[in-house]
C-alpha atoms as a PDB file:
ATOM      1  CA  UNK A   1     138.195  50.195  79.212  1.00  0.00           C
ATOM      2  CA  UNK A   2     138.298  50.086  83.039  1.00  0.00           C
ATOM      3  CA  UNK A   3     139.055  46.383  82.854  1.00  0.00           C
ATOM      4  CA  UNK A   4     142.221  47.069  80.876  1.00  0.00           C
ATOM      5  CA  UNK A   5     143.308  49.821  83.260  1.00  0.00           C
ATOM      6  CA  UNK A   6     142.805  47.485  86.238  1.00  0.00           C
ATOM      7  CA  UNK A   7     144.814  44.764  84.495  1.00  0.00           C
ATOM      8  CA  UNK A   8     147.568  47.224  83.687  1.00  0.00           C
ATOM      9  CA  UNK A   9     147.740  48.383  87.326  1.00  0.00           C
ATOM     10  CA  UNK A  10     147.835  44.791  88.581  1.00  0.00           C
ATOM     11  CA  UNK A  11     150.600  43.897  86.130  1.00  0.00           C
ATOM     12  CA  UNK A  12     152.505  47.014  87.110  1.00  0.00           C
ATOM     13  CA  UNK A  13     152.194  46.115  90.816  1.00  0.00           C
ATOM     14  CA  UNK A  14     153.432  42.579  90.127  1.00  0.00           C
ATOM     15  CA  UNK A  15     156.357  43.834  88.050  1.00  0.00           C
ATOM     16  CA  UNK A  16     157.256  46.374  90.728  1.00  0.00           C
ATOM     17  CA  UNK A  17     157.141  43.587  93.311  1.00  0.00           C
ATOM     18  CA  UNK A  18     159.618  41.494  91.303  1.00  0.00           C
ATOM     19  CA  UNK A  19     161.869  44.476  90.710  1.00  0.00           C
ATOM     20  CA  UNK A  20     161.754  45.442  94.402  1.00  0.00           C
ATOM     21  CA  UNK A  21     162.590  41.876  95.427  1.00  0.00           C
ATOM     22  CA  UNK A  22     165.578  41.881  93.093  1.00  0.00           C
ATOM     23  CA  UNK A  23     166.820  45.225  94.422  1.00  0.00           C
ATOM     24  CA  UNK A  24     166.340  44.078  98.028  1.00  0.00           C
ATOM     25  CA  UNK A  25     168.305  40.902  97.353  1.00  0.00           C
ATOM     26  CA  UNK A  26     171.154  42.920  95.839  1.00  0.00           C
ATOM     27  CA  UNK A  27     171.104  45.354  98.769  1.00  0.00           C
ATOM     28  CA  UNK A  28     171.239  42.585 101.360  1.00  0.00           C
ATOM     29  CA  UNK A  29     174.032  40.707  99.587  1.00  0.00           C
ATOM     30  CA  UNK A  30     176.189  43.682  98.754  1.00  0.00           C
ATOM     31  CA  UNK A  31     179.318  44.812 100.512  1.00  0.00           C
ATOM     32  CA  UNK A  32     181.116  48.049  99.876  1.00  0.00           C
ATOM     33  CA  UNK A  33     184.358  47.200  98.106  1.00  0.00           C
ATOM     34  CA  UNK A  34     187.202  49.549  99.030  1.00  0.00           C
ATOM     35  CA  UNK A  35     189.920  47.886  96.972  1.00  0.00           C
ATOM     36  CA  UNK A  36     190.325  44.574  95.169  1.00  0.00           C
ATOM     37  CA  UNK A  37     189.846  41.812  97.717  1.00  0.00           C
ATOM     38  CA  UNK A  38     188.901  44.155 100.572  1.00  0.00           C
ATOM     39  CA  UNK A  39     185.302  44.868 101.469  1.00  0.00           C
ATOM     40  CA  UNK A  40     183.491  46.688 104.233  1.00  0.00           C
ATOM     41  CA  UNK A  41     180.072  45.616 105.446  1.00  0.00           C
ATOM     42  CA  UNK A  42     177.473  48.301 105.932  1.00  0.00           C
ATOM     43  CA  UNK A  43     175.611  48.381 109.233  1.00  0.00           C
ATOM     44  CA  UNK A  44     172.423  46.425 109.718  1.00  0.00           C
ATOM     45  CA  UNK A  45     170.434  49.616 110.291  1.00  0.00           C
ATOM     46  CA  UNK A  46     171.714  51.080 107.021  1.00  0.00           C
ATOM     47  CA  UNK A  47     170.658  47.938 105.150  1.00  0.00           C
ATOM     48  CA  UNK A  48     167.238  47.949 106.782  1.00  0.00           C
ATOM     49  CA  UNK A  49     166.801  51.596 105.839  1.00  0.00           C
ATOM     50  CA  UNK A  50     167.806  50.804 102.249  1.00  0.00           C
ATOM     51  CA  UNK A  51     165.268  47.952 102.150  1.00  0.00           C
ATOM     52  CA  UNK A  52     162.553  50.269 103.472  1.00  0.00           C
ATOM     53  CA  UNK A  53     163.398  52.822 100.800  1.00  0.00           C
ATOM     54  CA  UNK A  54     163.136  50.171  98.088  1.00  0.00           C
ATOM     55  CA  UNK A  55     159.766  49.029  99.429  1.00  0.00           C
ATOM     56  CA  UNK A  56     158.641  52.656  99.567  1.00  0.00           C
ATOM     57  CA  UNK A  57     159.728  53.297  95.988  1.00  0.00           C
ATOM     58  CA  UNK A  58     158.041  50.233  94.491  1.00  0.00           C
ATOM     59  CA  UNK A  59     154.934  49.918  96.648  1.00  0.00           C
ATOM     60  CA  UNK A  60     151.540  50.457  95.001  1.00  0.00           C
ATOM     61  CA  UNK A  61     150.431  54.076  94.812  1.00  0.00           C
ATOM     62  CA  UNK A  62     147.602  53.536  97.300  1.00  0.00           C
ATOM     63  CA  UNK A  63     150.074  52.461 100.028  1.00  0.00           C
ATOM     64  CA  UNK A  64     153.018  54.665  99.140  1.00  0.00           C
ATOM     65  CA  UNK A  65     152.207  57.560 101.465  1.00  0.00           C
ATOM     66  CA  UNK A  66     151.812  55.294 104.513  1.00  0.00           C
ATOM     67  CA  UNK A  67     154.984  53.390 103.686  1.00  0.00           C
ATOM     68  CA  UNK A  68     156.877  56.637 103.128  1.00  0.00           C
ATOM     69  CA  UNK A  69     155.774  58.013 106.513  1.00  0.00           C
ATOM     70  CA  UNK A  70     156.827  54.790 108.230  1.00  0.00           C
ATOM     71  CA  UNK A  71     160.219  54.846 106.496  1.00  0.00           C
ATOM     72  CA  UNK A  72     160.870  58.432 107.560  1.00  0.00           C
ATOM     73  CA  UNK A  73     159.815  57.743 111.126  1.00  0.00           C
ATOM     74  CA  UNK A  74     161.915  54.580 111.369  1.00  0.00           C
ATOM     75  CA  UNK A  75     164.955  56.409 110.010  1.00  0.00           C
ATOM     76  CA  UNK A  76     164.466  59.221 112.530  1.00  0.00           C
ATOM     77  CA  UNK A  77     164.241  56.713 115.386  1.00  0.00           C
ATOM     78  CA  UNK A  78     167.219  54.666 114.231  1.00  0.00           C
ATOM     79  CA  UNK A  79     169.354  57.790 113.836  1.00  0.00           C
ATOM     80  CA  UNK A  80     168.282  58.976 117.309  1.00  0.00           C
ATOM     81  CA  UNK A  81     169.137  55.537 118.718  1.00  0.00           C
ATOM     82  CA  UNK A  82     172.641  55.700 117.229  1.00  0.00           C
ATOM     83  CA  UNK A  83     173.152  59.246 118.505  1.00  0.00           C
ATOM     84  CA  UNK A  84     171.905  58.412 122.015  1.00  0.00           C
ATOM     85  CA  UNK A  85     174.071  55.295 122.173  1.00  0.00           C
ATOM     86  CA  UNK A  86     177.133  57.238 121.050  1.00  0.00           C
ATOM     87  CA  UNK A  87     176.396  60.106 123.440  1.00  0.00           C
ATOM     88  CA  UNK A  88     175.913  57.803 126.435  1.00  0.00           C
ATOM     89  CA  UNK A  89     179.078  55.893 125.585  1.00  0.00           C
ATOM     90  CA  UNK A  90     181.115  59.094 125.456  1.00  0.00           C
ATOM     91  CA  UNK A  91     179.416  60.426 128.620  1.00  0.00           C
ATOM     92  CA  UNK A  92     180.300  57.281 130.548  1.00  0.00           C
ATOM     93  CA  UNK A  93     183.822  58.521 131.264  1.00  0.00           C
ATOM     94  CA  UNK A  94     182.860  62.112 132.027  1.00  0.00           C
ATOM     95  CA  UNK A  95     181.555  63.783 135.115  1.00  0.00           C
ATOM     96  CA  UNK A  96     177.868  64.680 134.882  1.00  0.00           C
ATOM     97  CA  UNK A  97     177.471  68.410 134.381  1.00  0.00           C
ATOM     98  CA  UNK A  98     175.050  70.856 132.793  1.00  0.00           C
ATOM     99  CA  UNK A  99     176.640  70.556 129.326  1.00  0.00           C
ATOM    100  CA  UNK A 100     176.270  66.788 129.310  1.00  0.00           C
ATOM    101  CA  UNK A 101     172.627  67.091 130.389  1.00  0.00           C
ATOM    102  CA  UNK A 102     171.891  69.706 127.702  1.00  0.00           C
ATOM    103  CA  UNK A 103     173.592  67.590 125.043  1.00  0.00           C
ATOM    104  CA  UNK A 104     171.528  64.584 126.137  1.00  0.00           C
ATOM    105  CA  UNK A 105     168.337  66.622 125.672  1.00  0.00           C
ATOM    106  CA  UNK A 106     169.508  67.764 122.230  1.00  0.00           C
ATOM    107  CA  UNK A 107     170.177  64.165 121.198  1.00  0.00           C
ATOM    108  CA  UNK A 108     166.685  63.132 122.328  1.00  0.00           C
ATOM    109  CA  UNK A 109     164.883  65.898 120.416  1.00  0.00           C
ATOM    110  CA  UNK A 110     164.280  63.959 117.154  1.00  0.00           C
ATOM    111  CA  UNK A 111     162.091  61.405 118.926  1.00  0.00           C
ATOM    112  CA  UNK A 112     160.129  63.834 121.071  1.00  0.00           C
ATOM    113  CA  UNK A 113     156.668  65.199 120.351  1.00  0.00           C
ATOM    114  CA  UNK A 114     156.271  68.843 119.314  1.00  0.00           C
ATOM    115  CA  UNK A 115     155.200  69.864 122.820  1.00  0.00           C
ATOM    116  CA  UNK A 116     158.196  68.089 124.355  1.00  0.00           C
ATOM    117  CA  UNK A 117     160.556  69.703 121.844  1.00  0.00           C
ATOM    118  CA  UNK A 118     159.168  73.106 122.755  1.00  0.00           C
ATOM    119  CA  UNK A 119     159.766  72.415 126.466  1.00  0.00           C
ATOM    120  CA  UNK A 120     163.321  71.212 125.814  1.00  0.00           C
ATOM    121  CA  UNK A 121     164.069  74.307 123.725  1.00  0.00           C
ATOM    122  CA  UNK A 122     162.753  76.564 126.482  1.00  0.00           C
ATOM    123  CA  UNK A 123     164.785  74.711 129.098  1.00  0.00           C
ATOM    124  CA  UNK A 124     167.951  75.028 126.992  1.00  0.00           C
ATOM    125  CA  UNK A 125     167.360  78.768 126.463  1.00  0.00           C
ATOM    126  CA  UNK A 126     166.782  79.341 130.171  1.00  0.00           C
ATOM    127  CA  UNK A 127     169.923  77.375 131.016  1.00  0.00           C
ATOM    128  CA  UNK A 128     171.983  79.357 128.504  1.00  0.00           C
ATOM    129  CA  UNK A 129     170.702  82.629 129.997  1.00  0.00           C
ATOM    130  CA  UNK A 130     171.437  81.534 133.564  1.00  0.00           C
ATOM    131  CA  UNK A 131     174.984  80.369 132.792  1.00  0.00           C
ATOM    132  CA  UNK A 132     176.009  83.208 130.469  1.00  0.00           C
END
C-alpha cells in the first residue's frame, strides 16, 4: 500500500512541476492588454513575484513552508526597495529636514529586525513629542 502512495505522490509532484512550468511560461510571456493593439508590460519585480508564487503553490508539500517564507521575505524586500528608491528620488529635490528623515525611517521599517523596528518607533515617538 505504501508503494502506491509513494508512486501517487511522485506522480503528483511531476504533474505539479509540469503545471507550474506552464503557468510560469504564461506569466513571463504575458502582457497586460489595455485595448486592442495596446499592451502594457508589467515590471520585472512583479513578474518575479508571480513566478515565486507559482513555485510556492505547486512545490511539494515538504518544501512548501520554506518556499512560502522565502516568497514573503523577497516580496517584503522588493517592496521596500521600490519604496526606498521612490522616497530617495523625491527627497533629492528637497531640503533635508526632520520630516524627510522620519519618512526615510518609516520606509526602511519593513526590512528591519524587530529590535530595530522598536528603536525606530521609539525615536519617531520622541521626535513627535519634541516637535509638537
